[in-house]
């Protein structure tokens, strides 16, 4: 099962998304990140910072080998922890 899903945009670019178990929502990344193209054990760099200007919803993480490392500035209870990524398909069911 894949941890990341790819969307082909109308302009030909690609957007990738994964389920964030801390935010309980999808987080996107695109060609600005370096991605290993492994959908089961994804790694991309640099870190992903969602909602950087809103401390109440901020999520900051690294994704390496299919695991998500949440940094201390995340708003949710997984801040400072590293957990396995969920299967994207499981979240959509």
PDB file of N, CA and C in Angstrom:
ATOM      1  N   UNK A   1       0.834  -1.181   0.000  1.00  0.00           N
ATOM      2  CA  UNK A   1       0.000   0.000   0.000  1.00  0.00           C
ATOM      3  C   UNK A   1       0.884   1.251   0.000  1.00  0.00           C
ATOM      4  N   UNK A   2       0.450   2.240  -0.733  1.00  0.00           N
ATOM      5  CA  UNK A   2       1.225   3.474  -0.881  1.00  0.00           C
ATOM      6  C   UNK A   2       1.003   4.427   0.284  1.00  0.00           C
ATOM      7  N   UNK A   3       2.063   5.096   0.662  1.00  0.00           N
ATOM      8  CA  UNK A   3       2.012   6.131   1.705  1.00  0.00           C
ATOM      9  C   UNK A   3       1.817   7.513   1.092  1.00  0.00           C
ATOM     10  N   UNK A   4       2.071   7.611  -0.224  1.00  0.00           N
ATOM     11  CA  UNK A   4       1.982   8.876  -0.954  1.00  0.00           C
ATOM     12  C   UNK A   4       1.165   8.644  -2.214  1.00  0.00           C
ATOM     13  N   UNK A   5       0.378   9.643  -2.592  1.00  0.00           N
ATOM     14  CA  UNK A   5      -0.384   9.606  -3.836  1.00  0.00           C
ATOM     15  C   UNK A   5       0.039  10.778  -4.699  1.00  0.00           C
ATOM     16  N   UNK A   6       0.077  10.560  -6.008  1.00  0.00           N
ATOM     17  CA  UNK A   6       0.468  11.609  -6.950  1.00  0.00           C
ATOM     18  C   UNK A   6      -0.756  12.085  -7.719  1.00  0.00           C
ATOM     19  N   UNK A   7      -0.818  13.392  -7.905  1.00  0.00           N
ATOM     20  CA  UNK A   7      -1.834  14.017  -8.753  1.00  0.00           C
ATOM     21  C   UNK A   7      -1.135  14.698  -9.915  1.00  0.00           C
ATOM     22  N   UNK A   8      -1.627  14.480 -11.111  1.00  0.00           N
ATOM     23  CA  UNK A   8      -1.116  15.183 -12.284  1.00  0.00           C
ATOM     24  C   UNK A   8      -1.966  16.430 -12.475  1.00  0.00           C
ATOM     25  N   UNK A   9      -1.338  17.584 -12.385  1.00  0.00           N
ATOM     26  CA  UNK A   9      -2.045  18.854 -12.527  1.00  0.00           C
ATOM     27  C   UNK A   9      -2.273  19.176 -14.000  1.00  0.00           C
ATOM     28  N   UNK A  10      -3.213  20.057 -14.273  1.00  0.00           N
ATOM     29  CA  UNK A  10      -3.559  20.419 -15.649  1.00  0.00           C
ATOM     30  C   UNK A  10      -2.407  21.074 -16.391  1.00  0.00           C
ATOM     31  N   UNK A  11      -1.465  21.684 -15.660  1.00  0.00           N
ATOM     32  CA  UNK A  11      -0.319  22.319 -16.309  1.00  0.00           C
ATOM     33  C   UNK A  11       0.834  21.340 -16.550  1.00  0.00           C
ATOM     34  N   UNK A  12       0.625  20.057 -16.242  1.00  0.00           N
ATOM     35  CA  UNK A  12       1.654  19.050 -16.451  1.00  0.00           C
ATOM     36  C   UNK A  12       2.538  18.799 -15.231  1.00  0.00           C
ATOM     37  N   UNK A  13       2.421  19.628 -14.223  1.00  0.00           N
ATOM     38  CA  UNK A  13       3.207  19.421 -13.007  1.00  0.00           C
ATOM     39  C   UNK A  13       2.561  18.332 -12.144  1.00  0.00           C
ATOM     40  N   UNK A  14       3.283  17.900 -11.142  1.00  0.00           N
ATOM     41  CA  UNK A  14       2.795  16.852 -10.249  1.00  0.00           C
ATOM     42  C   UNK A  14       2.739  17.374  -8.822  1.00  0.00           C
ATOM     43  N   UNK A  15       1.718  16.975  -8.108  1.00  0.00           N
ATOM     44  CA  UNK A  15       1.602  17.241  -6.684  1.00  0.00           C
ATOM     45  C   UNK A  15       1.467  15.900  -5.984  1.00  0.00           C
ATOM     46  N   UNK A  16       2.175  15.733  -4.886  1.00  0.00           N
ATOM     47  CA  UNK A  16       2.116  14.520  -4.088  1.00  0.00           C
ATOM     48  C   UNK A  16       1.448  14.863  -2.762  1.00  0.00           C
ATOM     49  N   UNK A  17       0.703  13.919  -2.205  1.00  0.00           N
ATOM     50  CA  UNK A  17       0.074  14.133  -0.901  1.00  0.00           C
ATOM     51  C   UNK A  17       0.272  12.897  -0.028  1.00  0.00           C
ATOM     52  N   UNK A  18       0.308  13.140   1.272  1.00  0.00           N
ATOM     53  CA  UNK A  18       0.342  12.057   2.252  1.00  0.00           C
ATOM     54  C   UNK A  18      -0.570  12.436   3.408  1.00  0.00           C
ATOM     55  N   UNK A  19      -1.029  11.425   4.129  1.00  0.00           N
ATOM     56  CA  UNK A  19      -1.884  11.661   5.286  1.00  0.00           C
ATOM     57  C   UNK A  19      -1.025  11.959   6.505  1.00  0.00           C
ATOM     58  N   UNK A  20      -1.319  13.063   7.171  1.00  0.00           N
ATOM     59  CA  UNK A  20      -0.613  13.454   8.386  1.00  0.00           C
ATOM     60  C   UNK A  20      -1.432  12.972   9.589  1.00  0.00           C
ATOM     61  N   UNK A  21      -0.903  12.024  10.371  1.00  0.00           N
ATOM     62  CA  UNK A  21      -1.663  11.531  11.522  1.00  0.00           C
ATOM     63  C   UNK A  21      -1.772  12.546  12.657  1.00  0.00           C
ATOM     64  N   UNK A  22      -0.932  13.562  12.659  1.00  0.00           N
ATOM     65  CA  UNK A  22      -1.032  14.611  13.673  1.00  0.00           C
ATOM     66  C   UNK A  22      -2.162  15.578  13.374  1.00  0.00           C
ATOM     67  N   UNK A  23      -2.234  16.037  12.132  1.00  0.00           N
ATOM     68  CA  UNK A  23      -3.278  16.978  11.717  1.00  0.00           C
ATOM     69  C   UNK A  23      -4.569  16.265  11.303  1.00  0.00           C
ATOM     70  N   UNK A  24      -4.438  14.955  11.005  1.00  0.00           N
ATOM     71  CA  UNK A  24      -5.554  14.157  10.505  1.00  0.00           C
ATOM     72  C   UNK A  24      -6.102  14.755   9.208  1.00  0.00           C
ATOM     73  N   UNK A  25      -5.146  15.096   8.339  1.00  0.00           N
ATOM     74  CA  UNK A  25      -5.469  15.716   7.059  1.00  0.00           C
ATOM     75  C   UNK A  25      -4.341  15.404   6.078  1.00  0.00           C
ATOM     76  N   UNK A  26      -4.567  15.725   4.814  1.00  0.00           N
ATOM     77  CA  UNK A  26      -3.550  15.520   3.792  1.00  0.00           C
ATOM     78  C   UNK A  26      -2.609  16.715   3.736  1.00  0.00           C
ATOM     79  N   UNK A  27      -1.317  16.443   3.506  1.00  0.00           N
ATOM     80  CA  UNK A  27      -0.313  17.487   3.299  1.00  0.00           C
ATOM     81  C   UNK A  27       0.285  17.291   1.904  1.00  0.00           C
ATOM     82  N   UNK A  28       0.383  18.373   1.123  1.00  0.00           N
ATOM     83  CA  UNK A  28       0.953  18.272  -0.226  1.00  0.00           C
ATOM     84  C   UNK A  28       2.423  18.691  -0.274  1.00  0.00           C
ATOM     85  N   UNK A  29       3.122  18.155  -1.271  1.00  0.00           N
ATOM     86  CA  UNK A  29       4.436  18.667  -1.641  1.00  0.00           C
ATOM     87  C   UNK A  29       4.576  18.501  -3.150  1.00  0.00           C
ATOM     88  N   UNK A  30       5.520  19.220  -3.745  1.00  0.00           N
ATOM     89  CA  UNK A  30       5.634  19.211  -5.207  1.00  0.00           C
ATOM     90  C   UNK A  30       7.103  19.236  -5.626  1.00  0.00           C
ATOM     91  N   UNK A  31       7.366  19.696  -6.825  1.00  0.00           N
ATOM     92  CA  UNK A  31       8.714  19.642  -7.396  1.00  0.00           C
ATOM     93  C   UNK A  31       9.736  20.496  -6.653  1.00  0.00           C
ATOM     94  N   UNK A  32       9.301  21.341  -5.748  1.00  0.00           N
ATOM     95  CA  UNK A  32      10.250  22.124  -4.951  1.00  0.00           C
ATOM     96  C   UNK A  32      11.018  21.235  -3.969  1.00  0.00           C
ATOM     97  N   UNK A  33      10.502  20.041  -3.693  1.00  0.00           N
ATOM     98  CA  UNK A  33      11.145  19.086  -2.803  1.00  0.00           C
ATOM     99  C   UNK A  33      11.829  18.001  -3.624  1.00  0.00           C
ATOM    100  N   UNK A  34      12.897  17.463  -3.105  1.00  0.00           N
ATOM    101  CA  UNK A  34      13.550  16.307  -3.704  1.00  0.00           C
ATOM    102  C   UNK A  34      12.855  15.070  -3.161  1.00  0.00           C
ATOM    103  N   UNK A  35      12.356  14.209  -4.046  1.00  0.00           N
ATOM    104  CA  UNK A  35      11.575  13.036  -3.663  1.00  0.00           C
ATOM    105  C   UNK A  35      12.241  11.786  -4.230  1.00  0.00           C
ATOM    106  N   UNK A  36      12.333  10.722  -3.446  1.00  0.00           N
ATOM    107  CA  UNK A  36      12.983   9.493  -3.893  1.00  0.00           C
ATOM    108  C   UNK A  36      12.100   8.616  -4.790  1.00  0.00           C
ATOM    109  N   UNK A  37      10.867   9.041  -5.063  1.00  0.00           N
ATOM    110  CA  UNK A  37       9.911   8.319  -5.921  1.00  0.00           C
ATOM    111  C   UNK A  37       9.565   6.932  -5.400  1.00  0.00           C
ATOM    112  N   UNK A  38       9.719   6.708  -4.125  1.00  0.00           N
ATOM    113  CA  UNK A  38       9.305   5.457  -3.498  1.00  0.00           C
ATOM    114  C   UNK A  38       7.994   5.722  -2.764  1.00  0.00           C
ATOM    115  N   UNK A  39       6.905   5.190  -3.269  1.00  0.00           N
ATOM    116  CA  UNK A  39       5.585   5.475  -2.724  1.00  0.00           C
ATOM    117  C   UNK A  39       5.276   4.659  -1.465  1.00  0.00           C
ATOM    118  N   UNK A  40       6.064   3.610  -1.196  1.00  0.00           N
ATOM    119  CA  UNK A  40       5.875   2.809   0.012  1.00  0.00           C
ATOM    120  C   UNK A  40       6.782   3.274   1.153  1.00  0.00           C
ATOM    121  N   UNK A  41       7.992   3.737   0.836  1.00  0.00           N
ATOM    122  CA  UNK A  41       8.932   4.249   1.838  1.00  0.00           C
ATOM    123  C   UNK A  41       9.467   5.594   1.364  1.00  0.00           C
ATOM    124  N   UNK A  42       8.580   6.590   1.306  1.00  0.00           N
ATOM    125  CA  UNK A  42       8.991   7.881   0.758  1.00  0.00           C
ATOM    126  C   UNK A  42       9.986   8.625   1.640  1.00  0.00           C
ATOM    127  N   UNK A  43      10.857   9.347   0.943  1.00  0.00           N
ATOM    128  CA  UNK A  43      11.756  10.309   1.574  1.00  0.00           C
ATOM    129  C   UNK A  43      11.720  11.552   0.705  1.00  0.00           C
ATOM    130  N   UNK A  44      11.512  12.692   1.328  1.00  0.00           N
ATOM    131  CA  UNK A  44      11.655  13.938   0.582  1.00  0.00           C
ATOM    132  C   UNK A  44      12.293  14.985   1.471  1.00  0.00           C
ATOM    133  N   UNK A  45      13.001  15.898   0.819  1.00  0.00           N
ATOM    134  CA  UNK A  45      13.689  16.969   1.525  1.00  0.00           C
ATOM    135  C   UNK A  45      13.497  18.267   0.764  1.00  0.00           C
ATOM    136  N   UNK A  46      13.571  19.395   1.418  1.00  0.00           N
ATOM    137  CA  UNK A  46      13.801  19.589   2.842  1.00  0.00           C
ATOM    138  C   UNK A  46      12.540  19.279   3.652  1.00  0.00           C
ATOM    139  N   UNK A  47      12.487  19.788   4.872  1.00  0.00           N
ATOM    140  CA  UNK A  47      11.313  19.583   5.721  1.00  0.00           C
ATOM    141  C   UNK A  47      10.082  20.227   5.083  1.00  0.00           C
ATOM    142  N   UNK A  48       8.923  19.815   5.572  1.00  0.00           N
ATOM    143  CA  UNK A  48       7.651  20.376   5.108  1.00  0.00           C
ATOM    144  C   UNK A  48       7.047  21.183   6.254  1.00  0.00           C
ATOM    145  N   UNK A  49       6.765  22.443   5.995  1.00  0.00           N
ATOM    146  CA  UNK A  49       6.181  23.326   6.999  1.00  0.00           C
ATOM    147  C   UNK A  49       4.826  23.778   6.497  1.00  0.00           C
ATOM    148  N   UNK A  50       3.773  23.300   7.139  1.00  0.00           N
ATOM    149  CA  UNK A  50       2.398  23.676   6.769  1.00  0.00           C
ATOM    150  C   UNK A  50       1.877  24.711   7.759  1.00  0.00           C
ATOM    151  N   UNK A  51       1.202  25.719   7.240  1.00  0.00           N
ATOM    152  CA  UNK A  51       0.588  26.772   8.059  1.00  0.00           C
ATOM    153  C   UNK A  51       1.605  27.480   8.954  1.00  0.00           C
ATOM    154  N   UNK A  52       2.720  27.867   8.352  1.00  0.00           N
ATOM    155  CA  UNK A  52       3.814  28.441   9.141  1.00  0.00           C
ATOM    156  C   UNK A  52       3.448  29.693   9.909  1.00  0.00           C
ATOM    157  N   UNK A  53       2.480  30.465   9.449  1.00  0.00           N
ATOM    158  CA  UNK A  53       2.143  31.724  10.113  1.00  0.00           C
ATOM    159  C   UNK A  53       1.007  31.581  11.123  1.00  0.00           C
ATOM    160  N   UNK A  54       0.553  30.343  11.370  1.00  0.00           N
ATOM    161  CA  UNK A  54      -0.541  30.118  12.310  1.00  0.00           C
ATOM    162  C   UNK A  54      -0.120  29.057  13.330  1.00  0.00           C
ATOM    163  N   UNK A  55       0.377  29.473  14.488  1.00  0.00           N
ATOM    164  CA  UNK A  55       0.870  28.510  15.471  1.00  0.00           C
ATOM    165  C   UNK A  55      -0.172  27.490  15.927  1.00  0.00           C
ATOM    166  N   UNK A  56      -1.451  27.819  15.817  1.00  0.00           N
ATOM    167  CA  UNK A  56      -2.504  26.901  16.258  1.00  0.00           C
ATOM    168  C   UNK A  56      -2.743  25.750  15.288  1.00  0.00           C
ATOM    169  N   UNK A  57      -2.236  25.864  14.041  1.00  0.00           N
ATOM    170  CA  UNK A  57      -2.397  24.777  13.064  1.00  0.00           C
ATOM    171  C   UNK A  57      -1.076  24.388  12.404  1.00  0.00           C
ATOM    172  N   UNK A  58       0.036  24.942  12.853  1.00  0.00           N
ATOM    173  CA  UNK A  58       1.343  24.675  12.244  1.00  0.00           C
ATOM    174  C   UNK A  58       1.718  23.201  12.375  1.00  0.00           C
ATOM    175  N   UNK A  59       2.287  22.663  11.290  1.00  0.00           N
ATOM    176  CA  UNK A  59       2.812  21.306  11.283  1.00  0.00           C
ATOM    177  C   UNK A  59       4.140  21.336  10.535  1.00  0.00           C
ATOM    178  N   UNK A  60       5.184  20.841  11.170  1.00  0.00           N
ATOM    179  CA  UNK A  60       6.531  20.902  10.613  1.00  0.00           C
ATOM    180  C   UNK A  60       7.154  19.518  10.755  1.00  0.00           C
ATOM    181  N   UNK A  61       7.598  18.955   9.629  1.00  0.00           N
ATOM    182  CA  UNK A  61       8.070  17.569   9.693  1.00  0.00           C
ATOM    183  C   UNK A  61       9.093  17.255   8.612  1.00  0.00           C
ATOM    184  N   UNK A  62       9.799  16.151   8.844  1.00  0.00           N
ATOM    185  CA  UNK A  62      10.640  15.498   7.847  1.00  0.00           C
ATOM    186  C   UNK A  62      10.006  14.150   7.542  1.00  0.00           C
ATOM    187  N   UNK A  63      10.047  13.722   6.291  1.00  0.00           N
ATOM    188  CA  UNK A  63       9.602  12.382   5.921  1.00  0.00           C
ATOM    189  C   UNK A  63      10.812  11.634   5.382  1.00  0.00           C
ATOM    190  N   UNK A  64      11.141  10.514   6.044  1.00  0.00           N
ATOM    191  CA  UNK A  64      12.312   9.721   5.692  1.00  0.00           C
ATOM    192  C   UNK A  64      11.971   8.236   5.801  1.00  0.00           C
ATOM    193  N   UNK A  65      12.193   7.498   4.720  1.00  0.00           N
ATOM    194  CA  UNK A  65      11.980   6.042   4.693  1.00  0.00           C
ATOM    195  C   UNK A  65      10.598   5.632   5.200  1.00  0.00           C
ATOM    196  N   UNK A  66       9.575   6.388   4.832  1.00  0.00           N
ATOM    197  CA  UNK A  66       8.206   6.038   5.203  1.00  0.00           C
ATOM    198  C   UNK A  66       7.815   6.401   6.616  1.00  0.00           C
ATOM    199  N   UNK A  67       8.644   7.194   7.278  1.00  0.00           N
ATOM    200  CA  UNK A  67       8.337   7.641   8.642  1.00  0.00           C
ATOM    201  C   UNK A  67       8.311   9.164   8.666  1.00  0.00           C
ATOM    202  N   UNK A  68       7.458   9.697   9.516  1.00  0.00           N
ATOM    203  CA  UNK A  68       7.339  11.147   9.620  1.00  0.00           C
ATOM    204  C   UNK A  68       7.836  11.588  10.998  1.00  0.00           C
ATOM    205  N   UNK A  69       8.823  12.486  10.964  1.00  0.00           N
ATOM    206  CA  UNK A  69       9.400  13.034  12.191  1.00  0.00           C
ATOM    207  C   UNK A  69       8.801  14.415  12.391  1.00  0.00           C
ATOM    208  N   UNK A  70       7.993  14.551  13.422  1.00  0.00           N
ATOM    209  CA  UNK A  70       7.368  15.833  13.725  1.00  0.00           C
ATOM    210  C   UNK A  70       8.313  16.669  14.571  1.00  0.00           C
ATOM    211  N   UNK A  71       8.507  17.899  14.170  1.00  0.00           N
ATOM    212  CA  UNK A  71       9.387  18.799  14.911  1.00  0.00           C
ATOM    213  C   UNK A  71       8.623  19.443  16.072  1.00  0.00           C
ATOM    214  N   UNK A  72       9.344  20.060  16.962  1.00  0.00           N
ATOM    215  CA  UNK A  72       8.762  20.596  18.186  1.00  0.00           C
ATOM    216  C   UNK A  72       7.814  21.757  18.008  1.00  0.00           C
ATOM    217  N   UNK A  73       7.808  22.393  16.816  1.00  0.00           N
ATOM    218  CA  UNK A  73       6.916  23.536  16.621  1.00  0.00           C
ATOM    219  C   UNK A  73       5.556  23.140  16.049  1.00  0.00           C
ATOM    220  N   UNK A  74       5.238  21.850  16.018  1.00  0.00           N
ATOM    221  CA  UNK A  74       3.915  21.391  15.574  1.00  0.00           C
ATOM    222  C   UNK A  74       2.873  21.717  16.636  1.00  0.00           C
ATOM    223  N   UNK A  75       1.648  21.936  16.208  1.00  0.00           N
ATOM    224  CA  UNK A  75       0.569  22.270  17.134  1.00  0.00           C
ATOM    225  C   UNK A  75      -0.043  21.043  17.803  1.00  0.00           C
ATOM    226  N   UNK A  76       0.153  19.860  17.253  1.00  0.00           N
ATOM    227  CA  UNK A  76      -0.588  18.684  17.703  1.00  0.00           C
ATOM    228  C   UNK A  76       0.208  17.810  18.671  1.00  0.00           C
ATOM    229  N   UNK A  77      -0.464  16.762  19.154  1.00  0.00           N
ATOM    230  CA  UNK A  77       0.104  15.901  20.199  1.00  0.00           C
ATOM    231  C   UNK A  77       1.278  15.039  19.732  1.00  0.00           C
ATOM    232  N   UNK A  78       1.541  14.974  18.426  1.00  0.00           N
ATOM    233  CA  UNK A  78       2.665  14.187  17.926  1.00  0.00           C
ATOM    234  C   UNK A  78       3.954  15.005  17.794  1.00  0.00           C
ATOM    235  N   UNK A  79       3.933  16.264  18.191  1.00  0.00           N
ATOM    236  CA  UNK A  79       5.136  17.109  18.146  1.00  0.00           C
ATOM    237  C   UNK A  79       6.269  16.418  18.889  1.00  0.00           C
ATOM    238  N   UNK A  80       7.446  16.367  18.255  1.00  0.00           N
ATOM    239  CA  UNK A  80       8.616  15.759  18.867  1.00  0.00           C
ATOM    240  C   UNK A  80       8.700  14.246  18.706  1.00  0.00           C
ATOM    241  N   UNK A  81       7.721  13.633  18.030  1.00  0.00           N
ATOM    242  CA  UNK A  81       7.710  12.180  17.852  1.00  0.00           C
ATOM    243  C   UNK A  81       7.970  11.805  16.399  1.00  0.00           C
ATOM    244  N   UNK A  82       8.365  10.553  16.181  1.00  0.00           N
ATOM    245  CA  UNK A  82       8.519   9.985  14.849  1.00  0.00           C
ATOM    246  C   UNK A  82       7.609   8.766  14.763  1.00  0.00           C
ATOM    247  N   UNK A  83       6.769   8.736  13.720  1.00  0.00           N
ATOM    248  CA  UNK A  83       5.799   7.643  13.548  1.00  0.00           C
ATOM    249  C   UNK A  83       5.794   7.189  12.092  1.00  0.00           C
ATOM    250  N   UNK A  84       5.280   6.000  11.859  1.00  0.00           N
ATOM    251  CA  UNK A  84       5.124   5.499  10.499  1.00  0.00           C
ATOM    252  C   UNK A  84       4.045   6.283   9.772  1.00  0.00           C
ATOM    253  N   UNK A  85       4.252   6.508   8.487  1.00  0.00           N
ATOM    254  CA  UNK A  85       3.191   7.103   7.668  1.00  0.00           C
ATOM    255  C   UNK A  85       2.066   6.093   7.497  1.00  0.00           C
ATOM    256  N   UNK A  86       0.848   6.579   7.408  1.00  0.00           N
ATOM    257  CA  UNK A  86      -0.320   5.741   7.163  1.00  0.00           C
ATOM    258  C   UNK A  86      -0.462   5.508   5.666  1.00  0.00           C
ATOM    259  N   UNK A  87      -1.142   4.435   5.299  1.00  0.00           N
ATOM    260  CA  UNK A  87      -1.494   4.229   3.908  1.00  0.00           C
ATOM    261  C   UNK A  87      -2.529   5.261   3.492  1.00  0.00           C
ATOM    262  N   UNK A  88      -2.288   5.934   2.402  1.00  0.00           N
ATOM    263  CA  UNK A  88      -3.198   6.984   1.938  1.00  0.00           C
ATOM    264  C   UNK A  88      -4.585   6.406   1.676  1.00  0.00           C
ATOM    265  N   UNK A  89      -4.659   5.209   1.095  1.00  0.00           N
ATOM    266  CA  UNK A  89      -5.943   4.605   0.761  1.00  0.00           C
ATOM    267  C   UNK A  89      -6.785   4.346   2.012  1.00  0.00           C
ATOM    268  N   UNK A  90      -6.153   3.984   3.135  1.00  0.00           N
ATOM    269  CA  UNK A  90      -6.878   3.729   4.373  1.00  0.00           C
ATOM    270  C   UNK A  90      -7.584   4.983   4.856  1.00  0.00           C
ATOM    271  N   UNK A  91      -6.945   6.132   4.661  1.00  0.00           N
ATOM    272  CA  UNK A  91      -7.539   7.369   5.137  1.00  0.00           C
ATOM    273  C   UNK A  91      -8.777   7.749   4.331  1.00  0.00           C
ATOM    274  N   UNK A  92      -8.754   7.446   3.011  1.00  0.00           N
ATOM    275  CA  UNK A  92      -9.856   7.842   2.150  1.00  0.00           C
ATOM    276  C   UNK A  92     -11.069   6.927   2.270  1.00  0.00           C
ATOM    277  N   UNK A  93     -10.938   5.770   2.908  1.00  0.00           N
ATOM    278  CA  UNK A  93     -12.077   4.827   3.028  1.00  0.00           C
ATOM    279  C   UNK A  93     -13.056   5.290   4.068  1.00  0.00           C
TER     280      UNK A  93
END
